[in-house]
Amino acid sequence: DSGSLDSIWALKDVSFDVKAGEVVGIIGRNGAGKSTLLKILSRITRP
């Protein structure tokens, strides 16, 4: 039902706004999706 048996969702329905001048810490366990999120924000990979 979730799609391919050979797929992993590193991020799922993540929404937030960051205001200009804000310093935001992103925390979570290994595999939580932190690095994937930063790669998307850096335009290294597409969502």
ModelCIF file with pLDDT and N, C-alpha, C, O atoms, coordinates in Angstrom:
data_MODEL
#
_entry.id   MODEL 
#
_entity.id                         1 
_entity.type                       polymer 
_entity.pdbx_number_of_molecules   1 
#
_entity_poly.entity_id                      1 
_entity_poly.type                           'polypeptide(L)' 
_entity_poly.nstd_linkage                   no 
_entity_poly.nstd_monomer                   no 
_entity_poly.pdbx_seq_one_letter_code       DSGSLDSIWALKDVSFDVKAGEVVGIIGRNGAGKSTLLKILSRITRP 
_entity_poly.pdbx_seq_one_letter_code_can   DSGSLDSIWALKDVSFDVKAGEVVGIIGRNGAGKSTLLKILSRITRP 
_entity_poly.pdbx_strand_id                 A 
#
loop_
_entity_poly_seq.entity_id 
_entity_poly_seq.num 
_entity_poly_seq.mon_id 
_entity_poly_seq.hetero 
1 1  ASP n 
1 2  SER n 
1 3  GLY n 
1 4  SER n 
1 5  LEU n 
1 6  ASP n 
1 7  SER n 
1 8  ILE n 
1 9  TRP n 
1 10 ALA n 
1 11 LEU n 
1 12 LYS n 
1 13 ASP n 
1 14 VAL n 
1 15 SER n 
1 16 PHE n 
1 17 ASP n 
1 18 VAL n 
1 19 LYS n 
1 20 ALA n 
1 21 GLY n 
1 22 GLU n 
1 23 VAL n 
1 24 VAL n 
1 25 GLY n 
1 26 ILE n 
1 27 ILE n 
1 28 GLY n 
1 29 ARG n 
1 30 ASN n 
1 31 GLY n 
1 32 ALA n 
1 33 GLY n 
1 34 LYS n 
1 35 SER n 
1 36 THR n 
1 37 LEU n 
1 38 LEU n 
1 39 LYS n 
1 40 ILE n 
1 41 LEU n 
1 42 SER n 
1 43 ARG n 
1 44 ILE n 
1 45 THR n 
1 46 ARG n 
1 47 PRO n 
#
_struct_asym.id          A 
_struct_asym.entity_id   1 
#
loop_
_ma_qa_metric.id 
_ma_qa_metric.mode 
_ma_qa_metric.name 
_ma_qa_metric.software_group_id 
_ma_qa_metric.type 
1 global pLDDT . pLDDT 
2 local  pLDDT . pLDDT 
#
_ma_qa_metric_global.metric_id      1 
_ma_qa_metric_global.metric_value   83.77 
_ma_qa_metric_global.model_id       1 
_ma_qa_metric_global.ordinal_id     1 
#
loop_
_ma_qa_metric_local.label_asym_id 
_ma_qa_metric_local.label_comp_id 
_ma_qa_metric_local.label_seq_id 
_ma_qa_metric_local.metric_id 
_ma_qa_metric_local.metric_value 
_ma_qa_metric_local.model_id 
_ma_qa_metric_local.ordinal_id 
A ASP 1  2 48.00 1 1  
A SER 2  2 46.00 1 2  
A GLY 3  2 45.00 1 3  
A SER 4  2 44.00 1 4  
A LEU 5  2 51.00 1 5  
A ASP 6  2 65.00 1 6  
A SER 7  2 77.00 1 7  
A ILE 8  2 85.00 1 8  
A TRP 9  2 89.00 1 9  
A ALA 10 2 90.00 1 10 
A LEU 11 2 93.00 1 11 
A LYS 12 2 93.00 1 12 
A ASP 13 2 93.00 1 13 
A VAL 14 2 94.00 1 14 
A SER 15 2 94.00 1 15 
A PHE 16 2 94.00 1 16 
A ASP 17 2 94.00 1 17 
A VAL 18 2 93.00 1 18 
A LYS 19 2 92.00 1 19 
A ALA 20 2 89.00 1 20 
A GLY 21 2 88.00 1 21 
A GLU 22 2 91.00 1 22 
A VAL 23 2 91.00 1 23 
A VAL 24 2 93.00 1 24 
A GLY 25 2 92.00 1 25 
A ILE 26 2 93.00 1 26 
A ILE 27 2 90.00 1 27 
A GLY 28 2 86.00 1 28 
A ARG 29 2 79.00 1 29 
A ASN 30 2 74.00 1 30 
A GLY 31 2 79.00 1 31 
A ALA 32 2 87.00 1 32 
A GLY 33 2 89.00 1 33 
A LYS 34 2 90.00 1 34 
A SER 35 2 85.00 1 35 
A THR 36 2 90.00 1 36 
A LEU 37 2 92.00 1 37 
A LEU 38 2 89.00 1 38 
A LYS 39 2 88.00 1 39 
A ILE 40 2 91.00 1 40 
A LEU 41 2 89.00 1 41 
A SER 42 2 85.00 1 42 
A ARG 43 2 84.00 1 43 
A ILE 44 2 83.00 1 44 
A THR 45 2 88.00 1 45 
A ARG 46 2 90.00 1 46 
A PRO 47 2 92.00 1 47 
#
loop_
_atom_site.group_PDB 
_atom_site.id 
_atom_site.type_symbol 
_atom_site.label_atom_id 
_atom_site.label_alt_id 
_atom_site.label_comp_id 
_atom_site.label_asym_id 
_atom_site.label_entity_id 
_atom_site.label_seq_id 
_atom_site.pdbx_PDB_ins_code 
_atom_site.Cartn_x 
_atom_site.Cartn_y 
_atom_site.Cartn_z 
_atom_site.occupancy 
_atom_site.B_iso_or_equiv 
_atom_site.pdbx_formal_charge 
_atom_site.auth_seq_id 
_atom_site.auth_comp_id 
_atom_site.auth_asym_id 
_atom_site.auth_atom_id 
_atom_site.pdbx_PDB_model_num 
ATOM 1   N N  . ASP A 1 1  ? 0.808  -1.215 0.000  1.00 48.00 ? 1  ASP A N  1 
ATOM 2   C CA . ASP A 1 1  ? 0.000  0.000  0.000  1.00 48.00 ? 1  ASP A CA 1 
ATOM 3   C C  . ASP A 1 1  ? 0.842  1.265  0.000  1.00 48.00 ? 1  ASP A C  1 
ATOM 4   O O  . ASP A 1 1  ? 0.381  2.292  -0.497 1.00 48.00 ? 1  ASP A O  1 
ATOM 5   N N  . SER A 1 2  ? 2.040  1.235  0.529  1.00 46.00 ? 2  SER A N  1 
ATOM 6   C CA . SER A 1 2  ? 2.880  2.415  0.614  1.00 46.00 ? 2  SER A CA 1 
ATOM 7   C C  . SER A 1 2  ? 3.711  2.644  -0.641 1.00 46.00 ? 2  SER A C  1 
ATOM 8   O O  . SER A 1 2  ? 4.484  3.601  -0.707 1.00 46.00 ? 2  SER A O  1 
ATOM 9   N N  . GLY A 1 3  ? 3.560  1.779  -1.633 1.00 45.00 ? 3  GLY A N  1 
ATOM 10  C CA . GLY A 1 3  ? 4.345  1.899  -2.845 1.00 45.00 ? 3  GLY A CA 1 
ATOM 11  C C  . GLY A 1 3  ? 5.251  0.709  -3.021 1.00 45.00 ? 3  GLY A C  1 
ATOM 12  O O  . GLY A 1 3  ? 4.860  -0.417 -2.714 1.00 45.00 ? 3  GLY A O  1 
ATOM 13  N N  . SER A 1 4  ? 6.445  0.934  -3.505 1.00 44.00 ? 4  SER A N  1 
ATOM 14  C CA . SER A 1 4  ? 7.364  -0.155 -3.760 1.00 44.00 ? 4  SER A CA 1 
ATOM 15  C C  . SER A 1 4  ? 7.860  -0.782 -2.464 1.00 44.00 ? 4  SER A C  1 
ATOM 16  O O  . SER A 1 4  ? 8.102  -0.089 -1.476 1.00 44.00 ? 4  SER A O  1 
ATOM 17  N N  . LEU A 1 5  ? 8.006  -2.079 -2.483 1.00 51.00 ? 5  LEU A N  1 
ATOM 18  C CA . LEU A 1 5  ? 8.609  -2.770 -1.357 1.00 51.00 ? 5  LEU A CA 1 
ATOM 19  C C  . LEU A 1 5  ? 10.057 -2.358 -1.177 1.00 51.00 ? 5  LEU A C  1 
ATOM 20  O O  . LEU A 1 5  ? 10.614 -2.502 -0.088 1.00 51.00 ? 5  LEU A O  1 
ATOM 21  N N  . ASP A 1 6  ? 10.661 -1.855 -2.217 1.00 65.00 ? 6  ASP A N  1 
ATOM 22  C CA . ASP A 1 6  ? 12.057 -1.460 -2.208 1.00 65.00 ? 6  ASP A CA 1 
ATOM 23  C C  . ASP A 1 6  ? 12.208 0.048  -2.073 1.00 65.00 ? 6  ASP A C  1 
ATOM 24  O O  . ASP A 1 6  ? 13.054 0.639  -2.744 1.00 65.00 ? 6  ASP A O  1 
ATOM 25  N N  . SER A 1 7  ? 11.428 0.671  -1.244 1.00 77.00 ? 7  SER A N  1 
ATOM 26  C CA . SER A 1 7  ? 11.506 2.108  -1.062 1.00 77.00 ? 7  SER A CA 1 
ATOM 27  C C  . SER A 1 7  ? 11.505 2.475  0.418  1.00 77.00 ? 7  SER A C  1 
ATOM 28  O O  . SER A 1 7  ? 10.925 1.776  1.249  1.00 77.00 ? 7  SER A O  1 
ATOM 29  N N  . ILE A 1 8  ? 12.164 3.579  0.725  1.00 85.00 ? 8  ILE A N  1 
ATOM 30  C CA . ILE A 1 8  ? 12.226 4.119  2.078  1.00 85.00 ? 8  ILE A CA 1 
ATOM 31  C C  . ILE A 1 8  ? 11.883 5.599  2.026  1.00 85.00 ? 8  ILE A C  1 
ATOM 32  O O  . ILE A 1 8  ? 12.415 6.338  1.198  1.00 85.00 ? 8  ILE A O  1 
ATOM 33  N N  . TRP A 1 9  ? 10.992 6.028  2.914  1.00 89.00 ? 9  TRP A N  1 
ATOM 34  C CA . TRP A 1 9  ? 10.651 7.439  3.011  1.00 89.00 ? 9  TRP A CA 1 
ATOM 35  C C  . TRP A 1 9  ? 11.549 8.069  4.075  1.00 89.00 ? 9  TRP A C  1 
ATOM 36  O O  . TRP A 1 9  ? 11.328 7.881  5.271  1.00 89.00 ? 9  TRP A O  1 
ATOM 37  N N  . ALA A 1 10 ? 12.553 8.812  3.636  1.00 90.00 ? 10 ALA A N  1 
ATOM 38  C CA . ALA A 1 10 ? 13.456 9.493  4.567  1.00 90.00 ? 10 ALA A CA 1 
ATOM 39  C C  . ALA A 1 10 ? 12.781 10.684 5.221  1.00 90.00 ? 10 ALA A C  1 
ATOM 40  O O  . ALA A 1 10 ? 13.097 11.025 6.360  1.00 90.00 ? 10 ALA A O  1 
ATOM 41  N N  . LEU A 1 11 ? 11.857 11.322 4.517  1.00 93.00 ? 11 LEU A N  1 
ATOM 42  C CA . LEU A 1 11 ? 11.047 12.419 5.043  1.00 93.00 ? 11 LEU A CA 1 
ATOM 43  C C  . LEU A 1 11 ? 9.610  12.218 4.606  1.00 93.00 ? 11 LEU A C  1 
ATOM 44  O O  . LEU A 1 11 ? 9.353  11.700 3.519  1.00 93.00 ? 11 LEU A O  1 
ATOM 45  N N  . LYS A 1 12 ? 8.675  12.624 5.443  1.00 93.00 ? 12 LYS A N  1 
ATOM 46  C CA . LYS A 1 12 ? 7.268  12.463 5.121  1.00 93.00 ? 12 LYS A CA 1 
ATOM 47  C C  . LYS A 1 12 ? 6.460  13.639 5.660  1.00 93.00 ? 12 LYS A C  1 
ATOM 48  O O  . LYS A 1 12 ? 6.308  13.798 6.871  1.00 93.00 ? 12 LYS A O  1 
ATOM 49  N N  . ASP A 1 13 ? 5.942  14.466 4.742  1.00 93.00 ? 13 ASP A N  1 
ATOM 50  C CA . ASP A 1 13 ? 5.028  15.575 5.075  1.00 93.00 ? 13 ASP A CA 1 
ATOM 51  C C  . ASP A 1 13 ? 5.612  16.537 6.112  1.00 93.00 ? 13 ASP A C  1 
ATOM 52  O O  . ASP A 1 13 ? 4.975  16.845 7.119  1.00 93.00 ? 13 ASP A O  1 
ATOM 53  N N  . VAL A 1 14 ? 6.822  17.000 5.849  1.00 94.00 ? 14 VAL A N  1 
ATOM 54  C CA . VAL A 1 14 ? 7.484  17.937 6.756  1.00 94.00 ? 14 VAL A CA 1 
ATOM 55  C C  . VAL A 1 14 ? 7.191  19.368 6.314  1.00 94.00 ? 14 VAL A C  1 
ATOM 56  O O  . VAL A 1 14 ? 7.484  19.743 5.179  1.00 94.00 ? 14 VAL A O  1 
ATOM 57  N N  . SER A 1 15 ? 6.616  20.158 7.204  1.00 94.00 ? 15 SER A N  1 
ATOM 58  C CA . SER A 1 15 ? 6.278  21.544 6.903  1.00 94.00 ? 15 SER A CA 1 
ATOM 59  C C  . SER A 1 15 ? 6.754  22.459 8.030  1.00 94.00 ? 15 SER A C  1 
ATOM 60  O O  . SER A 1 15 ? 6.580  22.146 9.208  1.00 94.00 ? 15 SER A O  1 
ATOM 61  N N  . PHE A 1 16 ? 7.356  23.590 7.660  1.00 94.00 ? 16 PHE A N  1 
ATOM 62  C CA . PHE A 1 16 ? 7.759  24.590 8.638  1.00 94.00 ? 16 PHE A CA 1 
ATOM 63  C C  . PHE A 1 16 ? 8.159  25.870 7.915  1.00 94.00 ? 16 PHE A C  1 
ATOM 64  O O  . PHE A 1 16 ? 8.468  25.847 6.723  1.00 94.00 ? 16 PHE A O  1 
ATOM 65  N N  . ASP A 1 17 ? 8.152  26.984 8.638  1.00 94.00 ? 17 ASP A N  1 
ATOM 66  C CA . ASP A 1 17 ? 8.643  28.267 8.150  1.00 94.00 ? 17 ASP A CA 1 
ATOM 67  C C  . ASP A 1 17 ? 9.776  28.724 9.057  1.00 94.00 ? 17 ASP A C  1 
ATOM 68  O O  . ASP A 1 17 ? 9.688  28.603 10.279 1.00 94.00 ? 17 ASP A O  1 
ATOM 69  N N  . VAL A 1 18 ? 10.830 29.245 8.465  1.00 93.00 ? 18 VAL A N  1 
ATOM 70  C CA . VAL A 1 18 ? 11.928 29.835 9.216  1.00 93.00 ? 18 VAL A CA 1 
ATOM 71  C C  . VAL A 1 18 ? 12.024 31.299 8.827  1.00 93.00 ? 18 VAL A C  1 
ATOM 72  O O  . VAL A 1 18 ? 12.180 31.624 7.650  1.00 93.00 ? 18 VAL A O  1 
ATOM 73  N N  . LYS A 1 19 ? 11.932 32.178 9.808  1.00 92.00 ? 19 LYS A N  1 
ATOM 74  C CA . LYS A 1 19 ? 12.010 33.607 9.546  1.00 92.00 ? 19 LYS A CA 1 
ATOM 75  C C  . LYS A 1 19 ? 13.456 34.042 9.323  1.00 92.00 ? 19 LYS A C  1 
ATOM 76  O O  . LYS A 1 19 ? 14.396 33.422 9.820  1.00 92.00 ? 19 LYS A O  1 
ATOM 77  N N  . ALA A 1 20 ? 13.603 35.111 8.573  1.00 89.00 ? 20 ALA A N  1 
ATOM 78  C CA . ALA A 1 20 ? 14.923 35.658 8.318  1.00 89.00 ? 20 ALA A CA 1 
ATOM 79  C C  . ALA A 1 20 ? 15.581 36.060 9.635  1.00 89.00 ? 20 ALA A C  1 
ATOM 80  O O  . ALA A 1 20 ? 14.950 36.690 10.483 1.00 89.00 ? 20 ALA A O  1 
ATOM 81  N N  . GLY A 1 21 ? 16.850 35.694 9.802  1.00 88.00 ? 21 GLY A N  1 
ATOM 82  C CA . GLY A 1 21 ? 17.579 36.012 11.017 1.00 88.00 ? 21 GLY A CA 1 
ATOM 83  C C  . GLY A 1 21 ? 17.418 35.001 12.133 1.00 88.00 ? 21 GLY A C  1 
ATOM 84  O O  . GLY A 1 21 ? 18.028 35.156 13.191 1.00 88.00 ? 21 GLY A O  1 
ATOM 85  N N  . GLU A 1 22 ? 16.605 33.961 11.925 1.00 91.00 ? 22 GLU A N  1 
ATOM 86  C CA . GLU A 1 22 ? 16.424 32.933 12.944 1.00 91.00 ? 22 GLU A CA 1 
ATOM 87  C C  . GLU A 1 22 ? 17.564 31.916 12.904 1.00 91.00 ? 22 GLU A C  1 
ATOM 88  O O  . GLU A 1 22 ? 18.130 31.639 11.847 1.00 91.00 ? 22 GLU A O  1 
ATOM 89  N N  . VAL A 1 23 ? 17.885 31.371 14.065 1.00 91.00 ? 23 VAL A N  1 
ATOM 90  C CA . VAL A 1 23 ? 18.843 30.277 14.171 1.00 91.00 ? 23 VAL A CA 1 
ATOM 91  C C  . VAL A 1 23 ? 18.083 29.055 14.652 1.00 91.00 ? 23 VAL A C  1 
ATOM 92  O O  . VAL A 1 23 ? 17.591 29.026 15.781 1.00 91.00 ? 23 VAL A O  1 
ATOM 93  N N  . VAL A 1 24 ? 17.987 28.055 13.801 1.00 93.00 ? 24 VAL A N  1 
ATOM 94  C CA . VAL A 1 24 ? 17.161 26.882 14.074 1.00 93.00 ? 24 VAL A CA 1 
ATOM 95  C C  . VAL A 1 24 ? 18.048 25.646 14.202 1.00 93.00 ? 24 VAL A C  1 
ATOM 96  O O  . VAL A 1 24 ? 18.832 25.339 13.305 1.00 93.00 ? 24 VAL A O  1 
ATOM 97  N N  . GLY A 1 25 ? 17.918 24.954 15.306 1.00 92.00 ? 25 GLY A N  1 
ATOM 98  C CA . GLY A 1 25 ? 18.605 23.690 15.502 1.00 92.00 ? 25 GLY A CA 1 
ATOM 99  C C  . GLY A 1 25 ? 17.712 22.544 15.053 1.00 92.00 ? 25 GLY A C  1 
ATOM 100 O O  . GLY A 1 25 ? 16.519 22.533 15.354 1.00 92.00 ? 25 GLY A O  1 
ATOM 101 N N  . ILE A 1 26 ? 18.271 21.594 14.346 1.00 93.00 ? 26 ILE A N  1 
ATOM 102 C CA . ILE A 1 26 ? 17.534 20.422 13.873 1.00 93.00 ? 26 ILE A CA 1 
ATOM 103 C C  . ILE A 1 26 ? 18.134 19.200 14.546 1.00 93.00 ? 26 ILE A C  1 
ATOM 104 O O  . ILE A 1 26 ? 19.309 18.891 14.346 1.00 93.00 ? 26 ILE A O  1 
ATOM 105 N N  . ILE A 1 27 ? 17.330 18.502 15.347 1.00 90.00 ? 27 ILE A N  1 
ATOM 106 C CA . ILE A 1 27 ? 17.833 17.376 16.123 1.00 90.00 ? 27 ILE A CA 1 
ATOM 107 C C  . ILE A 1 27 ? 16.997 16.130 15.847 1.00 90.00 ? 27 ILE A C  1 
ATOM 108 O O  . ILE A 1 27 ? 15.891 16.207 15.312 1.00 90.00 ? 27 ILE A O  1 
ATOM 109 N N  . GLY A 1 28 ? 17.543 15.001 16.219 1.00 86.00 ? 28 GLY A N  1 
ATOM 110 C CA . GLY A 1 28 ? 16.888 13.718 16.009 1.00 86.00 ? 28 GLY A CA 1 
ATOM 111 C C  . GLY A 1 28 ? 17.914 12.615 15.965 1.00 86.00 ? 28 GLY A C  1 
ATOM 112 O O  . GLY A 1 28 ? 19.108 12.884 15.830 1.00 86.00 ? 28 GLY A O  1 
ATOM 113 N N  . ARG A 1 29 ? 17.477 11.389 16.075 1.00 79.00 ? 29 ARG A N  1 
ATOM 114 C CA . ARG A 1 29 ? 18.373 10.251 16.040 1.00 79.00 ? 29 ARG A CA 1 
ATOM 115 C C  . ARG A 1 29 ? 18.954 10.060 14.650 1.00 79.00 ? 29 ARG A C  1 
ATOM 116 O O  . ARG A 1 29 ? 18.459 10.631 13.678 1.00 79.00 ? 29 ARG A O  1 
ATOM 117 N N  . ASN A 1 30 ? 19.998 9.259  14.560 1.00 74.00 ? 30 ASN A N  1 
ATOM 118 C CA . ASN A 1 30 ? 20.522 8.879  13.253 1.00 74.00 ? 30 ASN A CA 1 
ATOM 119 C C  . ASN A 1 30 ? 19.422 8.204  12.450 1.00 74.00 ? 30 ASN A C  1 
ATOM 120 O O  . ASN A 1 30 ? 18.733 7.313  12.946 1.00 74.00 ? 30 ASN A O  1 
ATOM 121 N N  . GLY A 1 31 ? 19.261 8.643  11.189 1.00 79.00 ? 31 GLY A N  1 
ATOM 122 C CA . GLY A 1 31 ? 18.205 8.096  10.351 1.00 79.00 ? 31 GLY A CA 1 
ATOM 123 C C  . GLY A 1 31 ? 16.877 8.818  10.470 1.00 79.00 ? 31 GLY A C  1 
ATOM 124 O O  . GLY A 1 31 ? 15.890 8.408  9.860  1.00 79.00 ? 31 GLY A O  1 
ATOM 125 N N  . ALA A 1 32 ? 16.841 9.896  11.255 1.00 87.00 ? 32 ALA A N  1 
ATOM 126 C CA . ALA A 1 32 ? 15.583 10.631 11.435 1.00 87.00 ? 32 ALA A CA 1 
ATOM 127 C C  . ALA A 1 32 ? 15.222 11.480 10.225 1.00 87.00 ? 32 ALA A C  1 
ATOM 128 O O  . ALA A 1 32 ? 14.071 11.891 10.078 1.00 87.00 ? 32 ALA A O  1 
ATOM 129 N N  . GLY A 1 33 ? 16.209 11.752 9.343  1.00 89.00 ? 33 GLY A N  1 
ATOM 130 C CA . GLY A 1 33 ? 15.943 12.548 8.149  1.00 89.00 ? 33 GLY A CA 1 
ATOM 131 C C  . GLY A 1 33 ? 16.603 13.911 8.152  1.00 89.00 ? 33 GLY A C  1 
ATOM 132 O O  . GLY A 1 33 ? 16.338 14.726 7.268  1.00 89.00 ? 33 GLY A O  1 
ATOM 133 N N  . LYS A 1 34 ? 17.468 14.177 9.139  1.00 90.00 ? 34 LYS A N  1 
ATOM 134 C CA . LYS A 1 34 ? 18.079 15.498 9.277  1.00 90.00 ? 34 LYS A CA 1 
ATOM 135 C C  . LYS A 1 34 ? 18.934 15.857 8.067  1.00 90.00 ? 34 LYS A C  1 
ATOM 136 O O  . LYS A 1 34 ? 18.751 16.915 7.465  1.00 90.00 ? 34 LYS A O  1 
ATOM 137 N N  . SER A 1 35 ? 19.862 14.983 7.712  1.00 85.00 ? 35 SER A N  1 
ATOM 138 C CA . SER A 1 35 ? 20.765 15.259 6.603  1.00 85.00 ? 35 SER A CA 1 
ATOM 139 C C  . SER A 1 35 ? 20.024 15.321 5.277  1.00 85.00 ? 35 SER A C  1 
ATOM 140 O O  . SER A 1 35 ? 20.365 16.123 4.408  1.00 85.00 ? 35 SER A O  1 
ATOM 141 N N  . THR A 1 36 ? 19.012 14.476 5.121  1.00 90.00 ? 36 THR A N  1 
ATOM 142 C CA . THR A 1 36 ? 18.201 14.524 3.903  1.00 90.00 ? 36 THR A CA 1 
ATOM 143 C C  . THR A 1 36 ? 17.513 15.875 3.769  1.00 90.00 ? 36 THR A C  1 
ATOM 144 O O  . THR A 1 36 ? 17.475 16.454 2.683  1.00 90.00 ? 36 THR A O  1 
ATOM 145 N N  . LEU A 1 37 ? 16.972 16.375 4.872  1.00 92.00 ? 37 LEU A N  1 
ATOM 146 C CA . LEU A 1 37 ? 16.319 17.679 4.859  1.00 92.00 ? 37 LEU A CA 1 
ATOM 147 C C  . LEU A 1 37 ? 17.297 18.775 4.453  1.00 92.00 ? 37 LEU A C  1 
ATOM 148 O O  . LEU A 1 37 ? 16.957 19.637 3.642  1.00 92.00 ? 37 LEU A O  1 
ATOM 149 N N  . LEU A 1 38 ? 18.506 18.753 5.008  1.00 89.00 ? 38 LEU A N  1 
ATOM 150 C CA . LEU A 1 38 ? 19.482 19.778 4.665  1.00 89.00 ? 38 LEU A CA 1 
ATOM 151 C C  . LEU A 1 38 ? 19.906 19.682 3.201  1.00 89.00 ? 38 LEU A C  1 
ATOM 152 O O  . LEU A 1 38 ? 20.143 20.707 2.563  1.00 89.00 ? 38 LEU A O  1 
ATOM 153 N N  . LYS A 1 39 ? 20.007 18.467 2.660  1.00 88.00 ? 39 LYS A N  1 
ATOM 154 C CA . LYS A 1 39 ? 20.353 18.308 1.249  1.00 88.00 ? 39 LYS A CA 1 
ATOM 155 C C  . LYS A 1 39 ? 19.269 18.891 0.349  1.00 88.00 ? 39 LYS A C  1 
ATOM 156 O O  . LYS A 1 39 ? 19.565 19.474 -0.694 1.00 88.00 ? 39 LYS A O  1 
ATOM 157 N N  . ILE A 1 40 ? 18.016 18.732 0.756  1.00 91.00 ? 40 ILE A N  1 
ATOM 158 C CA . ILE A 1 40 ? 16.912 19.315 -0.006 1.00 91.00 ? 40 ILE A CA 1 
ATOM 159 C C  . ILE A 1 40 ? 16.961 20.836 0.087  1.00 91.00 ? 40 ILE A C  1 
ATOM 160 O O  . ILE A 1 40 ? 16.777 21.530 -0.913 1.00 91.00 ? 40 ILE A O  1 
ATOM 161 N N  . LEU A 1 41 ? 17.210 21.354 1.296  1.00 89.00 ? 41 LEU A N  1 
ATOM 162 C CA . LEU A 1 41 ? 17.298 22.798 1.483  1.00 89.00 ? 41 LEU A CA 1 
ATOM 163 C C  . LEU A 1 41 ? 18.464 23.386 0.696  1.00 89.00 ? 41 LEU A C  1 
ATOM 164 O O  . LEU A 1 41 ? 18.395 24.524 0.232  1.00 89.00 ? 41 LEU A O  1 
ATOM 165 N N  . SER A 1 42 ? 19.538 22.607 0.547  1.00 85.00 ? 42 SER A N  1 
ATOM 166 C CA . SER A 1 42 ? 20.723 23.068 -0.180 1.00 85.00 ? 42 SER A CA 1 
ATOM 167 C C  . SER A 1 42 ? 20.619 22.826 -1.680 1.00 85.00 ? 42 SER A C  1 
ATOM 168 O O  . SER A 1 42 ? 21.559 23.127 -2.415 1.00 85.00 ? 42 SER A O  1 
ATOM 169 N N  . ARG A 1 43 ? 19.501 22.290 -2.147 1.00 84.00 ? 43 ARG A N  1 
ATOM 170 C CA . ARG A 1 43 ? 19.247 22.005 -3.562 1.00 84.00 ? 43 ARG A CA 1 
ATOM 171 C C  . ARG A 1 43 ? 20.205 20.948 -4.119 1.00 84.00 ? 43 ARG A C  1 
ATOM 172 O O  . ARG A 1 43 ? 20.466 20.905 -5.321 1.00 84.00 ? 43 ARG A O  1 
ATOM 173 N N  . ILE A 1 44 ? 20.722 20.100 -3.232 1.00 83.00 ? 44 ILE A N  1 
ATOM 174 C CA . ILE A 1 44 ? 21.551 18.985 -3.687 1.00 83.00 ? 44 ILE A CA 1 
ATOM 175 C C  . ILE A 1 44 ? 20.682 17.852 -4.204 1.00 83.00 ? 44 ILE A C  1 
ATOM 176 O O  . ILE A 1 44 ? 21.046 17.174 -5.165 1.00 83.00 ? 44 ILE A O  1 
ATOM 177 N N  . THR A 1 45 ? 19.542 17.646 -3.574 1.00 88.00 ? 45 THR A N  1 
ATOM 178 C CA . THR A 1 45 ? 18.584 16.651 -4.026 1.00 88.00 ? 45 THR A CA 1 
ATOM 179 C C  . THR A 1 45 ? 17.200 17.272 -4.036 1.00 88.00 ? 45 THR A C  1 
ATOM 180 O O  . THR A 1 45 ? 16.951 18.256 -3.340 1.00 88.00 ? 45 THR A O  1 
ATOM 181 N N  . ARG A 1 46 ? 16.313 16.709 -4.812 1.00 90.00 ? 46 ARG A N  1 
ATOM 182 C CA . ARG A 1 46 ? 14.959 17.253 -4.927 1.00 90.00 ? 46 ARG A CA 1 
ATOM 183 C C  . ARG A 1 46 ? 13.998 16.443 -4.072 1.00 90.00 ? 46 ARG A C  1 
ATOM 184 O O  . ARG A 1 46 ? 14.179 15.236 -3.911 1.00 90.00 ? 46 ARG A O  1 
ATOM 185 N N  . PRO A 1 47 ? 12.976 17.094 -3.519 1.00 92.00 ? 47 PRO A N  1 
ATOM 186 C CA . PRO A 1 47 ? 11.976 16.329 -2.769 1.00 92.00 ? 47 PRO A CA 1 
ATOM 187 C C  . PRO A 1 47 ? 11.120 15.487 -3.706 1.00 92.00 ? 47 PRO A C  1 
ATOM 188 O O  . PRO A 1 47 ? 10.224 14.776 -3.252 1.00 92.00 ? 47 PRO A O  1 
#
